[in-house]
Amino acid sequence: MDGTLAAADLERLRKDFSVNPAYRLAQNAVTRVTIDDVAINREIVSSIDHSLSTTLDDWKVTNQEKSGRCWLFAGLNLLRVGVMRKTGLKDFEFSQNYAMFWDKLERANYFLEAIIETADRDLDDRTVAFLLESVAGDGGQWNMFAALVEKHGLVPKAFMPETQSSSNTARMNSILRYQLRQGARTVRAAAADGAEAARAAKAEIMQVVYRILCIHLGTPPERFDWQWTDKDKKFHRDGVLTPQEFAAAYVDLPVSDYVCLVNDPRPSSPIGRTFTVEYLGNVIGGPPVIYLNVDMQV
């Protein structure tokens, strides 16, 4: 026996399915609605008691939709608490789209600079392969979030709301990935004539990346007129602010003082030491991604 699925095997599978009424009933249901809807246990659903002894603040839930922006949403949710307290707003959201726009642009620049630095290495070098494989992703770290806030500031969601591409990033990311990989080849070739030639090539690629991001996400505001009505129906106006001025005025959390704690039990990673990952970041000149290794109990 060679393990091939023969005609007799396929016929046996077909008959096994077709003669069972339960299988056919499941097929009829699942081809029309989701498997979760079909598999739900109604007795459990109807027996759940939704009364709670402890309730949290009933702020509107933020939704990253079909994107990998969990780190941006987590960071912005941490900061919005202070804004709501300071402004008296019942609910408030920062623009996650604004933060992602600058992350994508800064990360493209970070990637191309890394390509320039590694231009003398072979294409199958492990670091070069890592850079080309991971380009244009959505994920990030705390230090990357802090770098964005420090350099580009923040804006309320109304001034740069979600778009189709910010809520479902796959297609936009595939376009960026193609352009940046093509750009990496151009930059590597230009690097043979020196760093100045490589950065001239990079500038042209960055112009394309900026255009793609504006088309997909909108153009980020340079300034906006900040005014609001609080939960007591009282009107406030703070005038025209830049995103950096808005962040400085309304973010009361010392973002740069926070650190990332990890537990790496390997002997090569002693407790109490800080670590980083080469070529993990977004803003050139921003704080590096740093992890402090601590005991699991900590």
C-alpha atoms as a PDB file:
ATOM      1  CA  MET A   1       0.000   0.000   0.000  1.00  0.00           C
ATOM      2  CA  ASP A   2       1.461   3.351  -1.014  1.00  0.00           C
ATOM      3  CA  GLY A   3      -0.895   5.594   0.974  1.00  0.00           C
ATOM      4  CA  THR A   4      -2.541   7.170  -2.093  1.00  0.00           C
ATOM      5  CA  LEU A   5      -6.177   8.196  -1.813  1.00  0.00           C
ATOM      6  CA  ALA A   6      -7.670   5.818  -4.337  1.00  0.00           C
ATOM      7  CA  ALA A   7     -11.069   6.077  -6.018  1.00  0.00           C
ATOM      8  CA  ALA A   8     -12.462   3.468  -3.625  1.00  0.00           C
ATOM      9  CA  ASP A   9     -11.295   5.540  -0.637  1.00  0.00           C
ATOM     10  CA  LEU A  10     -12.978   8.668  -1.962  1.00  0.00           C
ATOM     11  CA  GLU A  11     -16.200   6.777  -2.663  1.00  0.00           C
ATOM     12  CA  ARG A  12     -16.203   5.418   0.887  1.00  0.00           C
ATOM     13  CA  LEU A  13     -15.794   8.941   2.311  1.00  0.00           C
ATOM     14  CA  ARG A  14     -18.602  10.252   0.111  1.00  0.00           C
ATOM     15  CA  LYS A  15     -20.993   7.493   1.128  1.00  0.00           C
ATOM     16  CA  ASP A  16     -20.120   7.797   4.813  1.00  0.00           C
ATOM     17  CA  PHE A  17     -21.118  11.458   4.684  1.00  0.00           C
ATOM     18  CA  SER A  18     -24.213  11.170   2.503  1.00  0.00           C
ATOM     19  CA  VAL A  19     -25.919   8.381   4.449  1.00  0.00           C
ATOM     20  CA  ASN A  20     -25.839  10.267   7.753  1.00  0.00           C
ATOM     21  CA  PRO A  21     -28.808  12.705   8.134  1.00  0.00           C
ATOM     22  CA  ALA A  22     -27.020  14.606  10.935  1.00  0.00           C
ATOM     23  CA  TYR A  23     -24.077  15.364   8.630  1.00  0.00           C
ATOM     24  CA  ARG A  24     -26.392  16.624   5.894  1.00  0.00           C
ATOM     25  CA  LEU A  25     -28.317  18.751   8.396  1.00  0.00           C
ATOM     26  CA  ALA A  26     -25.045  20.273   9.651  1.00  0.00           C
ATOM     27  CA  GLN A  27     -24.008  20.962   6.047  1.00  0.00           C
ATOM     28  CA  ASN A  28     -27.267  22.745   5.285  1.00  0.00           C
ATOM     29  CA  ALA A  29     -26.893  24.912   8.373  1.00  0.00           C
ATOM     30  CA  VAL A  30     -23.184  25.759   8.206  1.00  0.00           C
ATOM     31  CA  THR A  31     -23.295  26.667   4.504  1.00  0.00           C
ATOM     32  CA  ARG A  32     -25.828  29.378   5.395  1.00  0.00           C
ATOM     33  CA  VAL A  33     -24.650  30.701   8.799  1.00  0.00           C
ATOM     34  CA  THR A  34     -21.457  30.548  10.881  1.00  0.00           C
ATOM     35  CA  ILE A  35     -20.393  27.374  12.676  1.00  0.00           C
ATOM     36  CA  ASP A  36     -20.476  29.290  15.988  1.00  0.00           C
ATOM     37  CA  ASP A  37     -24.170  30.089  15.500  1.00  0.00           C
ATOM     38  CA  VAL A  38     -24.959  26.458  14.775  1.00  0.00           C
ATOM     39  CA  ALA A  39     -22.867  25.017  17.610  1.00  0.00           C
ATOM     40  CA  ILE A  40     -24.157  27.338  20.339  1.00  0.00           C
ATOM     41  CA  ASN A  41     -25.734  25.702  23.367  1.00  0.00           C
ATOM     42  CA  ARG A  42     -28.987  27.583  23.965  1.00  0.00           C
ATOM     43  CA  GLU A  43     -29.397  26.221  27.498  1.00  0.00           C
ATOM     44  CA  ILE A  44     -26.065  27.707  28.554  1.00  0.00           C
ATOM     45  CA  VAL A  45     -26.831  31.047  26.901  1.00  0.00           C
ATOM     46  CA  SER A  46     -30.194  31.388  28.618  1.00  0.00           C
ATOM     47  CA  SER A  47     -28.818  30.373  32.020  1.00  0.00           C
ATOM     48  CA  ILE A  48     -26.062  33.025  32.197  1.00  0.00           C
ATOM     49  CA  ASP A  49     -26.747  35.699  34.812  1.00  0.00           C
ATOM     50  CA  HIS A  50     -25.528  39.120  33.630  1.00  0.00           C
ATOM     51  CA  SER A  51     -25.953  40.920  36.962  1.00  0.00           C
ATOM     52  CA  LEU A  52     -22.551  41.883  38.410  1.00  0.00           C
ATOM     53  CA  SER A  53     -21.388  42.785  41.904  1.00  0.00           C
ATOM     54  CA  THR A  54     -18.552  45.000  40.635  1.00  0.00           C
ATOM     55  CA  THR A  55     -18.815  47.324  37.634  1.00  0.00           C
ATOM     56  CA  LEU A  56     -16.083  49.222  35.799  1.00  0.00           C
ATOM     57  CA  ASP A  57     -16.311  52.580  34.039  1.00  0.00           C
ATOM     58  CA  ASP A  58     -18.783  52.216  31.178  1.00  0.00           C
ATOM     59  CA  TRP A  59     -16.617  53.870  28.548  1.00  0.00           C
ATOM     60  CA  LYS A  60     -17.134  53.034  24.919  1.00  0.00           C
ATOM     61  CA  VAL A  61     -15.018  50.064  23.862  1.00  0.00           C
ATOM     62  CA  THR A  62     -12.393  50.762  21.201  1.00  0.00           C
ATOM     63  CA  ASN A  63     -12.126  48.321  18.305  1.00  0.00           C
ATOM     64  CA  GLN A  64      -8.985  47.543  16.330  1.00  0.00           C
ATOM     65  CA  GLU A  65     -11.096  45.666  13.745  1.00  0.00           C
ATOM     66  CA  LYS A  66      -9.057  43.546  11.288  1.00  0.00           C
ATOM     67  CA  SER A  67      -5.653  45.004  12.091  1.00  0.00           C
ATOM     68  CA  GLY A  68      -2.648  44.256  14.274  1.00  0.00           C
ATOM     69  CA  ARG A  69      -2.792  47.550  16.158  1.00  0.00           C
ATOM     70  CA  CYS A  70      -3.354  46.047  19.628  1.00  0.00           C
ATOM     71  CA  TRP A  71      -0.271  47.834  20.995  1.00  0.00           C
ATOM     72  CA  LEU A  72      -1.447  51.223  19.683  1.00  0.00           C
ATOM     73  CA  PHE A  73      -4.951  50.715  21.057  1.00  0.00           C
ATOM     74  CA  ALA A  74      -3.570  49.599  24.426  1.00  0.00           C
ATOM     75  CA  GLY A  75      -1.300  52.632  24.660  1.00  0.00           C
ATOM     76  CA  LEU A  76      -3.969  55.101  23.602  1.00  0.00           C
ATOM     77  CA  ASN A  77      -6.530  53.555  25.962  1.00  0.00           C
ATOM     78  CA  LEU A  78      -4.062  54.052  28.802  1.00  0.00           C
ATOM     79  CA  LEU A  79      -3.730  57.743  27.931  1.00  0.00           C
ATOM     80  CA  ARG A  80      -7.385  58.556  27.266  1.00  0.00           C
ATOM     81  CA  VAL A  81      -8.298  58.176  30.948  1.00  0.00           C
ATOM     82  CA  GLY A  82      -6.478  61.411  31.800  1.00  0.00           C
ATOM     83  CA  VAL A  83      -8.096  63.278  28.912  1.00  0.00           C
ATOM     84  CA  MET A  84     -11.601  62.338  30.054  1.00  0.00           C
ATOM     85  CA  ARG A  85     -10.848  63.432  33.605  1.00  0.00           C
ATOM     86  CA  LYS A  86      -9.286  66.703  32.494  1.00  0.00           C
ATOM     87  CA  THR A  87     -12.009  67.605  30.002  1.00  0.00           C
ATOM     88  CA  GLY A  88     -15.047  66.202  31.821  1.00  0.00           C
ATOM     89  CA  LEU A  89     -15.993  64.171  28.754  1.00  0.00           C
ATOM     90  CA  LYS A  90     -18.139  61.086  29.179  1.00  0.00           C
ATOM     91  CA  ASP A  91     -16.200  59.365  26.416  1.00  0.00           C
ATOM     92  CA  PHE A  92     -13.104  60.120  24.371  1.00  0.00           C
ATOM     93  CA  GLU A  93     -10.854  58.367  21.883  1.00  0.00           C
ATOM     94  CA  PHE A  94      -7.558  59.357  20.359  1.00  0.00           C
ATOM     95  CA  SER A  95      -7.200  58.779  16.640  1.00  0.00           C
ATOM     96  CA  GLN A  96      -5.665  55.333  16.277  1.00  0.00           C
ATOM     97  CA  ASN A  97      -5.496  55.972  12.537  1.00  0.00           C
ATOM     98  CA  TYR A  98      -3.281  59.041  13.116  1.00  0.00           C
ATOM     99  CA  ALA A  99      -0.842  57.028  15.228  1.00  0.00           C
ATOM    100  CA  MET A 100      -0.761  54.224  12.671  1.00  0.00           C
ATOM    101  CA  PHE A 101      -0.092  56.631   9.785  1.00  0.00           C
ATOM    102  CA  TRP A 102       3.080  57.913  11.428  1.00  0.00           C
ATOM    103  CA  ASP A 103       4.111  54.444  12.562  1.00  0.00           C
ATOM    104  CA  LYS A 104       3.878  53.162   8.996  1.00  0.00           C
ATOM    105  CA  LEU A 105       5.849  56.099   7.601  1.00  0.00           C
ATOM    106  CA  GLU A 106       8.500  56.032  10.323  1.00  0.00           C
ATOM    107  CA  ARG A 107       8.796  52.278  10.045  1.00  0.00           C
ATOM    108  CA  ALA A 108       9.342  52.511   6.286  1.00  0.00           C
ATOM    109  CA  ASN A 109      12.178  54.949   6.935  1.00  0.00           C
ATOM    110  CA  TYR A 110      13.566  52.695   9.685  1.00  0.00           C
ATOM    111  CA  PHE A 111      13.474  49.719   7.322  1.00  0.00           C
ATOM    112  CA  LEU A 112      15.208  51.515   4.462  1.00  0.00           C
ATOM    113  CA  GLU A 113      17.908  52.834   6.800  1.00  0.00           C
ATOM    114  CA  ALA A 114      18.494  49.260   7.965  1.00  0.00           C
ATOM    115  CA  ILE A 115      18.760  48.194   4.333  1.00  0.00           C
ATOM    116  CA  ILE A 116      21.424  50.872   3.781  1.00  0.00           C
ATOM    117  CA  GLU A 117      23.339  49.705   6.865  1.00  0.00           C
ATOM    118  CA  THR A 118      23.279  46.098   5.672  1.00  0.00           C
ATOM    119  CA  ALA A 119      23.838  46.814   1.962  1.00  0.00           C
ATOM    120  CA  ASP A 120      27.252  45.118   2.042  1.00  0.00           C
ATOM    121  CA  ARG A 121      25.753  41.820   3.235  1.00  0.00           C
ATOM    122  CA  ASP A 122      24.502  38.994   1.031  1.00  0.00           C
ATOM    123  CA  LEU A 123      20.803  38.848   0.214  1.00  0.00           C
ATOM    124  CA  ASP A 124      20.512  35.548   2.072  1.00  0.00           C
ATOM    125  CA  ASP A 125      22.119  36.995   5.201  1.00  0.00           C
ATOM    126  CA  ARG A 126      19.818  36.171   8.128  1.00  0.00           C
ATOM    127  CA  THR A 127      19.441  39.798   9.217  1.00  0.00           C
ATOM    128  CA  VAL A 128      18.655  40.979   5.692  1.00  0.00           C
ATOM    129  CA  ALA A 129      16.175  38.119   5.304  1.00  0.00           C
ATOM    130  CA  PHE A 130      14.532  39.104   8.612  1.00  0.00           C
ATOM    131  CA  LEU A 131      14.202  42.730   7.492  1.00  0.00           C
ATOM    132  CA  LEU A 132      12.643  41.784   4.155  1.00  0.00           C
ATOM    133  CA  GLU A 133      10.272  39.240   5.703  1.00  0.00           C
ATOM    134  CA  SER A 134       8.933  41.469   8.490  1.00  0.00           C
ATOM    135  CA  VAL A 135       8.484  44.700   6.533  1.00  0.00           C
ATOM    136  CA  ALA A 136       5.174  46.639   6.766  1.00  0.00           C
ATOM    137  CA  GLY A 137       3.672  44.705   9.672  1.00  0.00           C
ATOM    138  CA  ASP A 138       1.135  46.181  12.114  1.00  0.00           C
ATOM    139  CA  GLY A 139       2.626  44.970  15.409  1.00  0.00           C
ATOM    140  CA  GLY A 140       4.699  47.014  17.811  1.00  0.00           C
ATOM    141  CA  GLN A 141       6.145  47.537  21.273  1.00  0.00           C
ATOM    142  CA  TRP A 142       5.704  50.055  24.095  1.00  0.00           C
ATOM    143  CA  ASN A 143       8.876  51.980  23.278  1.00  0.00           C
ATOM    144  CA  MET A 144       7.707  52.334  19.687  1.00  0.00           C
ATOM    145  CA  PHE A 145       4.422  53.787  20.934  1.00  0.00           C
ATOM    146  CA  ALA A 146       6.268  56.212  23.223  1.00  0.00           C
ATOM    147  CA  ALA A 147       8.463  57.328  20.314  1.00  0.00           C
ATOM    148  CA  LEU A 148       5.414  58.135  18.177  1.00  0.00           C
ATOM    149  CA  VAL A 149       3.743  60.178  20.925  1.00  0.00           C
ATOM    150  CA  GLU A 150       6.936  62.109  21.600  1.00  0.00           C
ATOM    151  CA  LYS A 151       7.626  62.979  17.961  1.00  0.00           C
ATOM    152  CA  HIS A 152       4.193  63.263  16.332  1.00  0.00           C
ATOM    153  CA  GLY A 153       1.834  63.935  19.238  1.00  0.00           C
ATOM    154  CA  LEU A 154      -1.802  62.855  19.238  1.00  0.00           C
ATOM    155  CA  VAL A 155      -5.161  64.029  17.914  1.00  0.00           C
ATOM    156  CA  PRO A 156      -8.778  63.290  18.903  1.00  0.00           C
ATOM    157  CA  LYS A 157     -10.384  60.622  16.746  1.00  0.00           C
ATOM    158  CA  ALA A 158     -12.741  63.077  15.043  1.00  0.00           C
ATOM    159  CA  PHE A 159      -9.825  64.814  13.308  1.00  0.00           C
ATOM    160  CA  MET A 160      -8.528  61.626  11.665  1.00  0.00           C
ATOM    161  CA  PRO A 161     -11.202  58.915  11.898  1.00  0.00           C
ATOM    162  CA  GLU A 162     -10.917  55.315  10.827  1.00  0.00           C
ATOM    163  CA  THR A 163     -10.899  54.375   7.140  1.00  0.00           C
ATOM    164  CA  GLN A 164     -11.555  51.098   5.391  1.00  0.00           C
ATOM    165  CA  SER A 165      -7.811  50.438   5.197  1.00  0.00           C
ATOM    166  CA  SER A 166      -7.063  51.383   8.803  1.00  0.00           C
ATOM    167  CA  SER A 167      -9.717  48.924   9.988  1.00  0.00           C
ATOM    168  CA  ASN A 168      -8.669  46.196   7.553  1.00  0.00           C
ATOM    169  CA  THR A 169      -4.970  46.616   6.871  1.00  0.00           C
ATOM    170  CA  ALA A 170      -4.140  43.506   4.845  1.00  0.00           C
ATOM    171  CA  ARG A 171      -4.459  45.015   1.352  1.00  0.00           C
ATOM    172  CA  MET A 172      -2.683  48.251   2.251  1.00  0.00           C
ATOM    173  CA  ASN A 173       0.121  46.313   3.922  1.00  0.00           C
ATOM    174  CA  SER A 174       0.590  44.106   0.860  1.00  0.00           C
ATOM    175  CA  ILE A 175       1.000  47.228  -1.302  1.00  0.00           C
ATOM    176  CA  LEU A 176       3.477  48.750   1.149  1.00  0.00           C
ATOM    177  CA  ARG A 177       5.375  45.468   1.390  1.00  0.00           C
ATOM    178  CA  TYR A 178       5.740  45.297  -2.384  1.00  0.00           C
ATOM    179  CA  GLN A 179       6.920  48.892  -2.666  1.00  0.00           C
ATOM    180  CA  LEU A 180       9.394  48.578   0.203  1.00  0.00           C
ATOM    181  CA  ARG A 181      10.897  45.338  -1.051  1.00  0.00           C
ATOM    182  CA  GLN A 182      11.300  46.886  -4.479  1.00  0.00           C
ATOM    183  CA  GLY A 183      12.735  49.935  -2.750  1.00  0.00           C
ATOM    184  CA  ALA A 184      15.193  47.777  -0.821  1.00  0.00           C
ATOM    185  CA  ARG A 185      16.602  46.485  -4.082  1.00  0.00           C
ATOM    186  CA  THR A 186      16.930  50.033  -5.421  1.00  0.00           C
ATOM    187  CA  VAL A 187      18.589  51.296  -2.243  1.00  0.00           C
ATOM    188  CA  ARG A 188      21.034  48.383  -2.098  1.00  0.00           C
ATOM    189  CA  ALA A 189      22.067  49.057  -5.692  1.00  0.00           C
ATOM    190  CA  ALA A 190      22.442  52.787  -5.025  1.00  0.00           C
ATOM    191  CA  ALA A 191      24.534  52.092  -1.914  1.00  0.00           C
ATOM    192  CA  ALA A 192      27.352  50.951  -4.185  1.00  0.00           C
ATOM    193  CA  ASP A 193      27.839  54.652  -5.002  1.00  0.00           C
ATOM    194  CA  GLY A 194      27.858  55.681  -1.334  1.00  0.00           C
ATOM    195  CA  ALA A 195      25.477  56.629   1.455  1.00  0.00           C
ATOM    196  CA  GLU A 196      24.454  59.901  -0.207  1.00  0.00           C
ATOM    197  CA  ALA A 197      23.247  58.077  -3.316  1.00  0.00           C
ATOM    198  CA  ALA A 198      21.446  55.494  -1.201  1.00  0.00           C
ATOM    199  CA  ARG A 199      19.584  58.163   0.776  1.00  0.00           C
ATOM    200  CA  ALA A 200      18.638  59.998  -2.423  1.00  0.00           C
ATOM    201  CA  ALA A 201      17.046  56.762  -3.613  1.00  0.00           C
ATOM    202  CA  LYS A 202      15.404  56.339  -0.213  1.00  0.00           C
ATOM    203  CA  ALA A 203      13.845  59.813  -0.433  1.00  0.00           C
ATOM    204  CA  GLU A 204      12.052  58.866  -3.663  1.00  0.00           C
ATOM    205  CA  ILE A 205      10.719  55.668  -2.127  1.00  0.00           C
ATOM    206  CA  MET A 206       9.527  57.519   0.966  1.00  0.00           C
ATOM    207  CA  GLN A 207       7.598  59.891  -1.286  1.00  0.00           C
ATOM    208  CA  VAL A 208       5.736  56.898  -2.752  1.00  0.00           C
ATOM    209  CA  VAL A 209       5.086  55.444   0.715  1.00  0.00           C
ATOM    210  CA  TYR A 210       3.697  58.767   1.966  1.00  0.00           C
ATOM    211  CA  ARG A 211       1.373  58.960  -1.037  1.00  0.00           C
ATOM    212  CA  ILE A 212       0.119  55.396  -0.444  1.00  0.00           C
ATOM    213  CA  LEU A 213      -0.574  56.128   3.217  1.00  0.00           C
ATOM    214  CA  CYS A 214      -2.443  59.354   2.432  1.00  0.00           C
ATOM    215  CA  ILE A 215      -4.622  57.548  -0.110  1.00  0.00           C
ATOM    216  CA  HIS A 216      -5.440  54.711   2.302  1.00  0.00           C
ATOM    217  CA  LEU A 217      -5.566  56.503   5.647  1.00  0.00           C
ATOM    218  CA  GLY A 218      -6.103  60.193   4.877  1.00  0.00           C
ATOM    219  CA  THR A 219      -3.718  63.101   5.397  1.00  0.00           C
ATOM    220  CA  PRO A 220      -2.811  63.656   9.068  1.00  0.00           C
ATOM    221  CA  PRO A 221      -3.791  67.129  10.370  1.00  0.00           C
ATOM    222  CA  GLU A 222      -1.035  69.623  11.130  1.00  0.00           C
ATOM    223  CA  ARG A 223      -3.296  71.524  13.549  1.00  0.00           C
ATOM    224  CA  PHE A 224      -6.935  71.481  14.608  1.00  0.00           C
ATOM    225  CA  ASP A 225      -9.464  73.594  16.500  1.00  0.00           C
ATOM    226  CA  TRP A 226     -10.064  71.779  19.799  1.00  0.00           C
ATOM    227  CA  GLN A 227     -13.419  72.425  21.403  1.00  0.00           C
ATOM    228  CA  TRP A 228     -15.849  70.166  23.218  1.00  0.00           C
ATOM    229  CA  THR A 229     -19.011  69.959  25.329  1.00  0.00           C
ATOM    230  CA  ASP A 230     -18.513  68.057  28.584  1.00  0.00           C
ATOM    231  CA  LYS A 231     -20.887  65.582  30.246  1.00  0.00           C
ATOM    232  CA  ASP A 232     -22.532  68.490  32.137  1.00  0.00           C
ATOM    233  CA  LYS A 233     -23.363  70.203  28.802  1.00  0.00           C
ATOM    234  CA  LYS A 234     -20.769  72.921  29.374  1.00  0.00           C
ATOM    235  CA  PHE A 235     -18.927  74.155  26.275  1.00  0.00           C
ATOM    236  CA  HIS A 236     -15.120  74.531  26.245  1.00  0.00           C
ATOM    237  CA  ARG A 237     -12.665  75.787  23.646  1.00  0.00           C
ATOM    238  CA  ASP A 238      -8.879  75.478  23.767  1.00  0.00           C
ATOM    239  CA  GLY A 239      -8.145  77.016  20.381  1.00  0.00           C
ATOM    240  CA  VAL A 240      -6.015  75.782  17.517  1.00  0.00           C
ATOM    241  CA  LEU A 241      -3.435  73.199  18.565  1.00  0.00           C
ATOM    242  CA  THR A 242      -0.820  71.084  16.845  1.00  0.00           C
ATOM    243  CA  PRO A 243      -0.849  67.361  17.625  1.00  0.00           C
ATOM    244  CA  GLN A 244       2.310  67.849  19.693  1.00  0.00           C
ATOM    245  CA  GLU A 245       0.719  70.693  21.667  1.00  0.00           C
ATOM    246  CA  PHE A 246      -2.404  68.626  22.260  1.00  0.00           C
ATOM    247  CA  ALA A 247      -0.375  65.697  23.612  1.00  0.00           C
ATOM    248  CA  ALA A 248       1.665  67.980  25.859  1.00  0.00           C
ATOM    249  CA  ALA A 249      -1.468  69.613  27.277  1.00  0.00           C
ATOM    250  CA  TYR A 250      -3.711  66.572  27.747  1.00  0.00           C
ATOM    251  CA  VAL A 251      -1.450  63.570  28.345  1.00  0.00           C
ATOM    252  CA  ASP A 252      -0.666  63.575  32.058  1.00  0.00           C
ATOM    253  CA  LEU A 253       0.990  60.164  32.136  1.00  0.00           C
ATOM    254  CA  PRO A 254       4.834  60.118  32.100  1.00  0.00           C
ATOM    255  CA  VAL A 255       5.020  57.897  29.036  1.00  0.00           C
ATOM    256  CA  SER A 256       8.820  57.863  28.868  1.00  0.00           C
ATOM    257  CA  ASP A 257       9.062  56.618  32.494  1.00  0.00           C
ATOM    258  CA  TYR A 258       7.355  53.299  31.757  1.00  0.00           C
ATOM    259  CA  VAL A 259       9.432  50.163  31.124  1.00  0.00           C
ATOM    260  CA  CYS A 260       8.699  46.714  29.688  1.00  0.00           C
ATOM    261  CA  LEU A 261       9.169  43.785  32.062  1.00  0.00           C
ATOM    262  CA  VAL A 262       9.794  40.291  30.689  1.00  0.00           C
ATOM    263  CA  ASN A 263      10.774  36.929  32.085  1.00  0.00           C
ATOM    264  CA  ASP A 264      13.475  35.202  30.043  1.00  0.00           C
ATOM    265  CA  PRO A 265      14.597  32.112  32.008  1.00  0.00           C
ATOM    266  CA  ARG A 266      17.522  31.197  29.745  1.00  0.00           C
ATOM    267  CA  PRO A 267      20.965  31.123  31.406  1.00  0.00           C
ATOM    268  CA  SER A 268      22.200  33.567  28.776  1.00  0.00           C
ATOM    269  CA  SER A 269      19.678  36.148  30.003  1.00  0.00           C
ATOM    270  CA  PRO A 270      20.538  37.101  33.614  1.00  0.00           C
ATOM    271  CA  ILE A 271      17.864  38.602  35.866  1.00  0.00           C
ATOM    272  CA  GLY A 272      18.190  42.364  36.309  1.00  0.00           C
ATOM    273  CA  ARG A 273      19.673  42.982  32.875  1.00  0.00           C
ATOM    274  CA  THR A 274      18.066  44.930  30.049  1.00  0.00           C
ATOM    275  CA  PHE A 275      17.936  43.613  26.514  1.00  0.00           C
ATOM    276  CA  THR A 276      17.003  44.834  23.062  1.00  0.00           C
ATOM    277  CA  VAL A 277      16.423  43.249  19.654  1.00  0.00           C
ATOM    278  CA  GLU A 278      18.497  44.364  16.701  1.00  0.00           C
ATOM    279  CA  TYR A 279      16.473  46.258  14.074  1.00  0.00           C
ATOM    280  CA  LEU A 280      13.284  46.267  16.146  1.00  0.00           C
ATOM    281  CA  GLY A 281      11.860  49.786  16.200  1.00  0.00           C
ATOM    282  CA  ASN A 282      10.147  52.470  14.173  1.00  0.00           C
ATOM    283  CA  VAL A 283      11.464  56.011  14.777  1.00  0.00           C
ATOM    284  CA  ILE A 284      15.088  56.669  13.865  1.00  0.00           C
ATOM    285  CA  GLY A 285      16.569  58.567  16.810  1.00  0.00           C
ATOM    286  CA  GLY A 286      13.755  57.486  19.138  1.00  0.00           C
ATOM    287  CA  PRO A 287      14.198  55.403  22.281  1.00  0.00           C
ATOM    288  CA  PRO A 288      15.280  51.803  21.579  1.00  0.00           C
ATOM    289  CA  VAL A 289      13.022  48.897  22.410  1.00  0.00           C
ATOM    290  CA  ILE A 290      14.262  47.739  25.830  1.00  0.00           C
ATOM    291  CA  TYR A 291      13.135  44.821  27.980  1.00  0.00           C
ATOM    292  CA  LEU A 292      14.062  44.432  31.648  1.00  0.00           C
ATOM    293  CA  ASN A 293      14.425  40.778  32.597  1.00  0.00           C
ATOM    294  CA  VAL A 294      12.817  40.046  35.984  1.00  0.00           C
ATOM    295  CA  ASP A 295      11.636  37.021  37.983  1.00  0.00           C
ATOM    296  CA  MET A 296       8.233  35.617  37.030  1.00  0.00           C
ATOM    297  CA  GLN A 297       6.843  36.656  40.438  1.00  0.00           C
ATOM    298  CA  VAL A 298       7.726  40.285  39.651  1.00  0.00           C
END
